[in-house]
Protein backbone atom coordinates (compact mmCIF):
# COMPACT_ATOMS: atom_id res chain seq x y z
CA MET A 1 141.49 103.18 109.16
CA GLY A 2 140.86 107.20 110.23
CA ASP A 3 141.10 108.24 113.25
CA GLY A 4 139.61 111.54 115.24
CA LEU A 5 135.90 111.71 114.10
CA GLY A 6 133.41 108.59 114.19
CA ILE A 7 131.19 109.62 111.06
CA VAL A 8 131.64 112.56 108.74
CA LEU A 9 128.60 113.91 106.37
CA LEU A 10 129.44 114.83 102.78
CA GLY A 11 126.62 116.72 101.38
CA ALA A 12 124.90 118.06 104.38
CA THR A 13 123.65 121.45 102.83
CA GLY A 14 121.70 119.39 100.76
CA PHE A 15 117.96 118.59 100.98
CA THR A 16 118.53 115.00 102.19
CA GLY A 17 122.18 115.65 103.81
CA ARG A 18 120.11 118.39 105.96
CA LEU A 19 117.78 115.85 107.11
CA VAL A 20 121.04 113.43 108.36
CA ALA A 21 122.71 115.65 110.10
CA GLU A 22 119.48 116.93 111.89
CA TYR A 23 119.04 112.85 112.71
CA LEU A 24 122.79 112.72 113.66
CA PHE A 25 122.97 115.40 115.96
CA SER A 26 119.91 114.50 117.95
CA HIS A 27 120.99 110.57 118.03
CA ALA A 28 124.20 109.42 117.87
CA PRO A 29 125.62 109.24 121.04
CA SER A 30 127.95 111.72 122.46
CA SER A 31 130.74 109.28 122.53
CA LEU A 32 130.72 109.15 118.66
CA ALA A 33 131.73 112.32 117.20
CA PHE A 34 130.67 113.05 113.80
CA GLY A 35 131.76 116.40 111.59
CA VAL A 36 129.62 117.47 108.45
CA ALA A 37 131.38 118.12 105.07
CA GLY A 38 130.74 120.10 101.83
CA ARG A 39 132.33 122.99 99.34
CA ASN A 40 130.87 125.76 101.02
CA LYS A 41 132.31 126.91 104.78
CA GLU A 42 129.53 129.35 105.29
CA LYS A 43 126.22 127.17 104.21
CA LEU A 44 127.85 124.39 106.48
CA GLU A 45 127.76 126.49 109.38
CA SER A 46 124.64 127.25 108.64
CA VAL A 47 123.07 123.68 108.89
CA VAL A 48 125.02 123.40 111.86
CA ARG A 49 123.31 126.29 113.74
CA ASP A 50 119.92 125.28 112.20
CA VAL A 51 119.92 121.70 113.43
CA ARG A 52 121.37 122.63 116.97
CA ALA A 53 118.53 125.04 117.12
CA ARG A 54 116.12 121.54 116.00
CA ALA A 55 117.59 119.30 117.99
CA THR A 56 115.47 116.70 120.01
CA SER A 57 118.04 115.48 122.71
CA GLY A 58 120.28 116.99 125.02
CA ASN A 59 123.47 117.11 122.25
CA SER A 60 122.54 120.68 121.38
CA ASP A 61 125.98 121.93 122.84
CA ARG A 62 127.91 119.40 120.97
CA THR A 63 130.68 120.57 118.67
CA VAL A 64 130.23 119.50 114.73
CA PRO A 65 133.45 119.87 113.18
CA ILE A 66 133.34 121.38 109.66
CA LEU A 67 135.46 120.14 106.54
CA VAL A 68 135.64 121.55 103.81
CA ALA A 69 135.65 119.29 100.77
CA ASP A 70 134.60 119.20 96.96
CA SER A 71 133.32 115.87 95.49
CA SER A 72 135.60 117.10 92.44
CA ASN A 73 138.64 117.55 94.22
CA GLU A 74 140.01 114.13 95.33
CA THR A 75 143.19 115.85 97.69
CA GLU A 76 140.37 117.21 99.86
CA LEU A 77 138.37 114.20 99.55
CA ARG A 78 141.57 112.26 101.18
CA ALA A 79 142.15 114.76 103.79
CA MET A 80 138.39 114.01 104.87
CA VAL A 81 138.43 110.40 104.24
CA LYS A 82 141.76 110.42 106.81
CA ARG A 83 140.00 112.01 109.35
CA THR A 84 136.86 109.57 110.33
CA ARG A 85 136.15 105.86 110.38
CA VAL A 86 132.57 106.08 108.27
CA VAL A 87 131.66 108.23 105.28
CA CYS A 88 128.04 109.00 105.05
CA THR A 89 127.40 111.20 101.49
CA THR A 90 123.98 112.30 100.19
CA VAL A 91 125.46 113.75 97.13
CA GLY A 92 124.04 112.64 93.82
CA PRO A 93 124.14 111.55 91.25
CA TYR A 94 126.74 109.11 92.39
CA ALA A 95 127.52 108.12 89.31
CA LYS A 96 128.85 111.88 88.44
CA TYR A 97 130.05 112.53 91.85
CA GLY A 98 130.17 109.42 94.10
CA ARG A 99 132.98 107.14 92.63
CA ALA A 100 136.22 108.81 93.53
CA LEU A 101 134.98 108.92 97.38
CA ALA A 102 133.99 105.23 97.33
CA ARG A 103 137.58 104.72 95.44
CA ILE A 104 139.32 106.58 98.26
CA CYS A 105 137.31 105.33 101.34
CA ALA A 106 138.39 101.76 99.65
CA GLU A 107 142.13 102.65 99.41
CA GLU A 108 141.92 104.25 103.16
CA GLY A 109 140.25 101.66 104.96
CA VAL A 110 137.34 103.59 106.03
CA HIS A 111 133.69 102.44 106.08
CA TYR A 112 131.53 104.29 103.50
CA THR A 113 127.44 104.97 103.68
CA ASP A 114 125.37 106.40 100.40
CA LEU A 115 121.76 106.68 99.14
CA THR A 116 122.41 105.60 95.13
CA GLY A 117 119.47 103.56 93.68
CA GLU A 118 122.14 103.59 90.35
CA VAL A 119 122.73 100.20 89.58
CA PRO A 120 125.43 101.06 86.97
CA PHE A 121 126.98 103.05 89.58
CA MET A 122 127.21 100.15 92.22
CA ARG A 123 128.33 97.51 89.22
CA GLN A 124 131.40 99.94 88.78
CA SER A 125 132.03 100.18 92.73
CA ILE A 126 131.91 96.68 92.88
CA ASP A 127 134.11 95.95 89.81
CA ASP A 128 137.30 99.20 90.75
CA ASN A 129 136.82 98.70 94.35
CA ASP A 130 135.90 95.23 95.78
CA ALA A 131 139.63 93.57 96.32
CA VAL A 132 140.67 96.75 97.27
CA ALA A 133 138.40 97.40 100.43
CA LYS A 134 138.44 93.64 101.36
CA ALA A 135 142.57 94.55 101.40
CA SER A 136 142.25 97.65 103.47
CA ARG A 137 139.30 96.17 105.80
CA ALA A 138 136.86 98.43 104.45
CA ARG A 139 133.13 98.41 104.24
CA ILE A 140 131.89 100.20 101.22
CA VAL A 141 127.95 100.03 101.69
CA HIS A 142 125.87 101.32 99.07
CA ALA A 143 121.75 101.95 98.74
CA CYS A 144 121.03 102.57 102.33
CA GLY A 145 118.22 104.14 102.54
CA PHE A 146 114.51 103.21 101.26
CA ASP A 147 116.15 102.12 98.46
CA SER A 148 116.82 99.61 99.86
CA ILE A 149 117.38 98.60 103.46
CA PRO A 150 113.22 97.26 103.69
CA SER A 151 113.69 95.00 100.45
CA ASP A 152 116.88 93.49 100.83
CA LEU A 153 116.97 93.64 105.36
CA GLY A 154 113.64 92.12 105.03
CA THR A 155 114.29 89.51 102.65
CA TYR A 156 117.42 88.48 104.98
CA LEU A 157 115.31 88.35 108.20
CA LEU A 158 112.68 86.14 106.22
CA TRP A 159 115.52 83.84 105.33
CA ARG A 160 116.97 84.17 109.04
CA ARG A 161 113.33 82.80 110.02
CA ALA A 162 113.42 80.07 107.72
CA ASP A 163 116.56 78.80 108.69
CA GLU A 164 115.77 78.60 111.87
CA MET A 165 112.99 76.51 111.20
CA GLY A 166 114.96 74.08 109.00
CA LEU A 167 113.95 75.60 105.82
CA THR A 168 114.77 77.47 101.97
CA MET A 169 112.86 80.14 100.72
CA GLY A 170 110.95 79.76 97.15
CA PRO A 171 109.42 82.13 95.26
CA THR A 172 109.29 85.49 97.57
CA THR A 173 107.16 88.80 96.42
CA LEU A 174 107.65 92.11 97.79
CA LEU A 175 104.04 94.21 98.07
CA VAL A 176 104.26 97.86 98.37
CA ARG A 177 100.90 98.32 100.61
CA LYS A 178 101.18 101.96 101.24
CA ALA A 179 104.06 104.26 100.55
CA ASP A 180 102.87 108.42 100.94
CA GLY A 181 105.34 110.97 100.55
CA GLY A 182 107.12 113.42 98.12
CA PHE A 183 109.60 113.64 95.39
CA SER A 184 112.90 115.48 95.74
CA GLY A 185 114.87 117.16 93.48
CA GLY A 186 117.98 114.93 94.04
CA THR A 187 115.79 111.79 93.09
CA VAL A 188 114.71 113.60 90.04
CA ALA A 189 118.76 114.63 88.98
CA SER A 190 119.54 110.85 89.62
CA MET A 191 116.68 109.18 87.56
CA LEU A 192 117.20 111.75 84.89
CA GLU A 193 121.20 111.02 84.80
CA LEU A 194 120.51 107.09 84.68
CA THR A 195 118.03 107.75 81.58
CA ASP A 196 120.65 109.96 79.46
CA ALA A 197 123.18 107.74 80.26
CA ALA A 198 121.00 104.36 79.28
CA LYS A 199 119.77 105.78 76.25
CA LYS A 200 123.65 107.17 75.05
CA ASP A 201 125.73 103.30 75.94
CA PRO A 202 123.61 100.17 75.17
CA LYS A 203 126.17 98.64 77.90
CA ILE A 204 124.47 100.15 80.58
CA ARG A 205 121.05 99.71 79.23
CA ALA A 206 122.01 96.06 79.15
CA LEU A 207 123.38 96.56 82.69
CA VAL A 208 119.74 98.07 83.90
CA ALA A 209 117.93 95.10 82.49
CA ASP A 210 119.92 92.23 83.74
CA PRO A 211 117.87 91.12 87.10
CA HIS A 212 121.59 89.55 88.49
CA ALA A 213 123.72 92.40 87.43
CA LEU A 214 125.26 93.14 90.80
CA GLU A 215 125.85 89.35 91.56
CA PRO A 216 129.31 88.04 92.25
CA THR A 217 128.26 84.70 90.97
CA PRO A 218 124.79 83.89 89.26
CA PRO A 219 122.24 81.37 90.38
CA GLU A 220 121.47 77.90 89.19
CA HIS A 221 118.22 79.47 88.49
CA PRO A 222 118.01 83.21 87.27
CA ASP A 223 115.29 85.41 87.87
CA ARG A 224 113.49 86.27 84.74
CA LYS A 225 113.59 89.55 83.60
CA ASP A 226 111.21 92.55 85.38
CA ARG A 227 107.55 92.48 85.03
CA PHE A 228 105.75 95.89 83.80
CA ASN A 229 102.13 95.16 83.20
CA VAL A 230 99.22 95.10 85.61
CA ALA A 231 97.49 91.47 86.97
CA TYR A 232 94.99 90.23 89.13
CA GLU A 233 96.86 87.78 91.36
CA LYS A 234 94.78 85.37 93.00
CA ASP A 235 97.43 83.72 95.48
CA LEU A 236 98.00 87.41 96.96
CA GLY A 237 94.44 88.80 96.26
CA ALA A 238 95.10 91.74 95.19
CA TRP A 239 95.80 93.43 91.53
CA THR A 240 99.41 94.37 91.19
CA ALA A 241 101.34 97.34 89.18
CA PRO A 242 105.06 97.72 88.42
CA PHE A 243 106.88 99.08 91.55
CA ILE A 244 109.65 101.70 89.82
CA MET A 245 112.10 100.97 92.75
CA ALA A 246 112.37 97.47 92.10
CA LEU A 247 114.91 98.00 89.30
CA CYS A 248 117.20 98.54 92.10
CA ASN A 249 115.79 96.78 95.46
CA THR A 250 115.43 93.71 93.56
CA ARG A 251 119.32 93.83 92.31
CA VAL A 252 120.27 93.95 95.56
CA VAL A 253 118.80 91.43 97.20
CA ARG A 254 120.07 89.01 94.76
CA ARG A 255 123.38 90.59 95.64
CA THR A 256 123.26 89.27 99.29
CA ASN A 257 121.52 86.23 98.47
CA SER A 258 124.89 85.65 96.14
CA LEU A 259 127.12 86.99 98.96
CA LEU A 260 125.79 84.74 100.97
CA ASP A 261 126.73 81.92 98.46
CA HIS A 262 123.14 81.74 97.66
CA ALA A 263 122.04 80.61 101.32
CA TYR A 264 117.92 81.83 100.47
CA GLY A 265 117.82 78.26 98.69
CA PRO A 266 117.84 76.99 95.00
CA GLU A 267 114.10 77.93 94.43
CA PHE A 268 114.26 81.53 95.60
CA ARG A 269 113.04 84.00 93.39
CA TYR A 270 112.50 87.64 94.23
CA ARG A 271 110.28 90.35 92.42
CA GLU A 272 108.46 93.57 93.78
CA VAL A 273 105.12 95.14 93.07
CA MET A 274 102.82 97.69 93.89
CA SER A 275 99.91 96.06 95.78
CA PHE A 276 95.60 97.38 95.26
CA PRO A 277 92.50 95.83 96.51
CA LYS A 278 90.46 93.34 94.83
CA GLY A 279 87.60 94.91 92.44
CA PRO A 280 87.29 97.53 89.86
CA ARG A 281 88.62 100.07 92.11
CA GLY A 282 92.18 98.02 92.68
CA ALA A 283 92.15 97.57 89.06
CA ALA A 284 91.67 101.16 88.35
CA MET A 285 94.41 102.25 90.89
CA ALA A 286 96.76 99.26 88.97
CA TYR A 287 96.46 100.93 85.60
CA ALA A 288 96.72 104.26 86.69
CA VAL A 289 99.91 103.46 88.20
CA LEU A 290 100.80 102.39 84.78
CA GLY A 291 100.02 104.61 82.90
CA GLY A 292 101.34 107.33 84.88
CA LEU A 293 104.99 105.48 85.00
CA GLY A 294 104.35 105.19 81.16
CA ALA A 295 103.83 109.02 80.61
CA PHE A 296 106.74 109.76 83.16
CA THR A 297 109.39 107.54 80.80
CA ALA A 298 107.89 108.95 77.43
CA ALA A 299 108.19 112.33 78.53
CA ILE A 300 111.60 112.74 79.82
CA THR A 301 112.93 110.28 76.74
CA THR A 302 111.22 113.16 73.86
CA PRO A 303 111.52 116.62 73.36
CA LEU A 304 108.52 117.22 76.28
CA ARG A 305 111.65 116.51 78.53
CA GLY A 306 112.16 120.65 78.88
CA LEU A 307 108.46 120.79 80.00
CA VAL A 308 108.19 117.84 82.20
CA GLU A 309 111.90 119.11 83.83
CA ALA A 310 110.53 122.44 84.45
CA ARG A 311 108.08 121.43 86.54
CA LEU A 312 109.95 118.85 88.66
CA PRO A 313 112.03 119.72 92.08
CA LYS A 314 115.47 121.35 91.34
CA PRO A 315 118.44 119.29 93.21
CA GLY A 316 118.18 121.05 96.83
CA GLU A 317 114.39 120.94 96.80
CA GLY A 318 112.04 118.25 98.41
CA PRO A 319 108.74 118.24 100.23
CA SER A 320 107.50 120.29 103.08
CA ALA A 321 108.43 119.36 106.46
CA GLU A 322 104.30 118.71 106.78
CA VAL A 323 104.78 116.17 103.81
CA ARG A 324 107.52 115.00 105.43
CA ALA A 325 105.55 114.08 109.11
CA LYS A 326 101.99 112.89 107.22
CA GLY A 327 103.78 110.05 105.19
CA SER A 328 104.19 106.74 106.01
CA PHE A 329 104.87 103.37 104.45
CA LYS A 330 103.70 99.68 104.74
CA ILE A 331 105.33 96.50 102.81
CA ASP A 332 104.85 92.91 102.80
CA ILE A 333 107.07 90.47 101.67
CA ILE A 334 105.96 87.12 101.24
CA CYS A 335 107.94 84.20 100.92
CA ASP A 336 107.00 80.61 100.03
CA THR A 337 109.33 77.81 101.90
CA ARG A 338 110.72 74.54 101.12
CA THR A 339 111.94 71.97 103.43
CA LYS A 340 115.25 70.32 103.19
CA ALA A 341 113.33 67.51 100.91
CA ARG A 342 112.02 70.33 98.58
CA GLU A 343 108.71 70.03 99.52
CA PRO A 344 105.98 72.89 99.98
CA GLY A 345 106.58 74.68 103.63
CA PRO A 346 104.63 77.32 105.35
CA LYS A 347 104.60 80.77 103.81
CA LEU A 348 106.70 83.18 105.89
CA GLY A 349 105.83 86.83 105.63
CA VAL A 350 107.47 90.28 107.06
CA ARG A 351 105.48 93.38 107.45
CA ILE A 352 107.69 96.62 107.30
CA GLU A 353 106.37 100.03 108.42
CA GLY A 354 106.86 103.11 109.72
CA GLU A 355 105.99 106.25 110.30
CA GLY A 356 107.16 109.51 107.93
CA ASP A 357 107.99 110.10 104.28
CA PRO A 358 109.54 107.05 103.31
CA GLY A 359 112.04 108.63 100.86
CA TYR A 360 113.10 111.60 103.48
CA ALA A 361 111.96 111.23 106.73
CA ALA A 362 112.23 107.66 106.81
CA THR A 363 115.14 107.31 104.80
CA SER A 364 117.17 109.77 106.84
CA ARG A 365 116.57 107.57 109.75
CA MET A 366 117.71 104.44 107.87
CA LEU A 367 120.96 106.39 106.44
CA GLY A 368 121.78 107.72 109.90
CA GLU A 369 121.61 104.15 111.46
CA ALA A 370 123.22 102.28 109.55
CA THR A 371 125.90 104.71 109.28
CA MET A 372 126.01 104.13 113.26
CA CYS A 373 126.02 100.70 113.01
CA LEU A 374 129.11 100.68 110.78
CA ALA A 375 130.99 103.10 113.09
CA GLU A 376 130.03 101.58 116.68
CA ASP A 377 128.76 97.86 116.28
CA ALA A 378 130.54 94.81 116.61
CA LEU A 379 129.78 93.54 112.74
CA PRO A 380 130.89 90.67 111.23
CA GLU A 381 134.02 90.39 109.74
CA ARG A 382 133.11 91.18 106.35
CA PHE A 383 134.52 93.32 104.14
CA GLY A 384 134.57 95.01 100.36
CA VAL A 385 131.80 96.30 98.66
CA LEU A 386 128.65 94.92 100.40
CA SER A 387 124.57 94.93 100.72
CA PRO A 388 123.12 96.38 103.83
CA ALA A 389 122.00 93.23 104.85
CA TYR A 390 125.39 91.18 104.32
CA ALA A 391 126.94 94.17 105.91
CA MET A 392 124.82 94.52 109.28
CA GLY A 393 121.92 92.17 109.13
CA ASP A 394 120.82 91.82 112.71
CA PHE A 395 122.64 94.81 114.05
CA LEU A 396 120.53 96.93 111.85
CA ALA A 397 117.71 95.50 111.91
CA ALA A 398 117.91 96.15 116.08
CA ARG A 399 118.92 99.55 115.54
CA LEU A 400 116.00 100.49 112.96
CA GLY A 401 113.23 98.85 115.19
CA GLY A 402 114.40 101.79 117.96
CA ALA A 403 114.00 104.14 115.40
CA GLY A 404 110.44 103.84 113.83
CA VAL A 405 111.22 101.25 111.48
CA LYS A 406 109.60 98.16 112.18
CA PHE A 407 109.99 94.48 111.09
CA THR A 408 107.44 91.79 111.95
CA VAL A 409 108.52 88.21 110.71
CA SER A 410 105.60 85.77 111.12
CA VAL A 411 104.00 82.24 109.75
CA ARG A 412 101.28 83.31 107.59
CA GLU A 413 100.08 79.77 107.13
């Protein structure tokens, strides 16, 4: 494993990369050395000056080494990887810019984190890197932002509580109660890249549609395919609509369960939806979300795409500091349980909430803490291409609780 630096952040000059650099600068302990990397030395120097000026802790005098590395230059990437224990990358779309880096980290025994929500990229990384990373004792951990830490870690914590009570998990639903924030150009670029790839390649379309695309072993009773409709769900007391991030999050959650040898239970099922209040107003909101998703999907797969792209943020762009500060999120995950005799048990729930735009303010904290967790904490001896919850579990939950992302588990009835 590399020595010298604890963390190297690749992509620090991008929109999200700058936020992560600022977070690490202010929150990484002085004993944890970190550097920034990218293609342009002058831009990296500017980033370091900016984050130093905005530092919120006593670390304003810390030294931040600058490493020049292009994501398309494997020689530069390998030299960078050899200098650190963990590489954190915000350079997406990851299918385009992340494959070589993940492979080199696996080969060199260096841990890795990213923000991908791209299921085909994660599937390729598992196929290419899992065995190599196990041999080198590297942890390659994808989806360490709002995709997919709240879903993955929240479900894991529900399982921990159920297990303590001698229960297993049954049908489990994530409800997005609130998610206020803005779009970034990087997220848009990843969505468009995946849309283009799926349009051209039927294998990618099938992979994206497969609920169990990331699992090493399929469950005894598979989940149904994703639902894309509006419904009033009496047991939840809410109108529900599709949640666009479910296409990634649900796969990551199911991978954790599979890596844990399906410990969540034989009747575990998992889905994610957006939640709206009872009554006509809630129904109108749910149908508006469905209509918006349908219109956006239609627009980017037709000749109208150029007009839509012209109005969307470009890579390197994102919501203002004011929008990021005003944002927040609130999520519930509700789980039916079963006793050892497979009789119904009490419902369990976890409330996940945080201040700040979920895609950027909260995501930069999640990625920063996950990266520091890999660099510093005495984690279980698990290596390979891992999910966040399987790799870091309780350690990451404790870190996030101190970083403004709160997980509260409770017995609901």
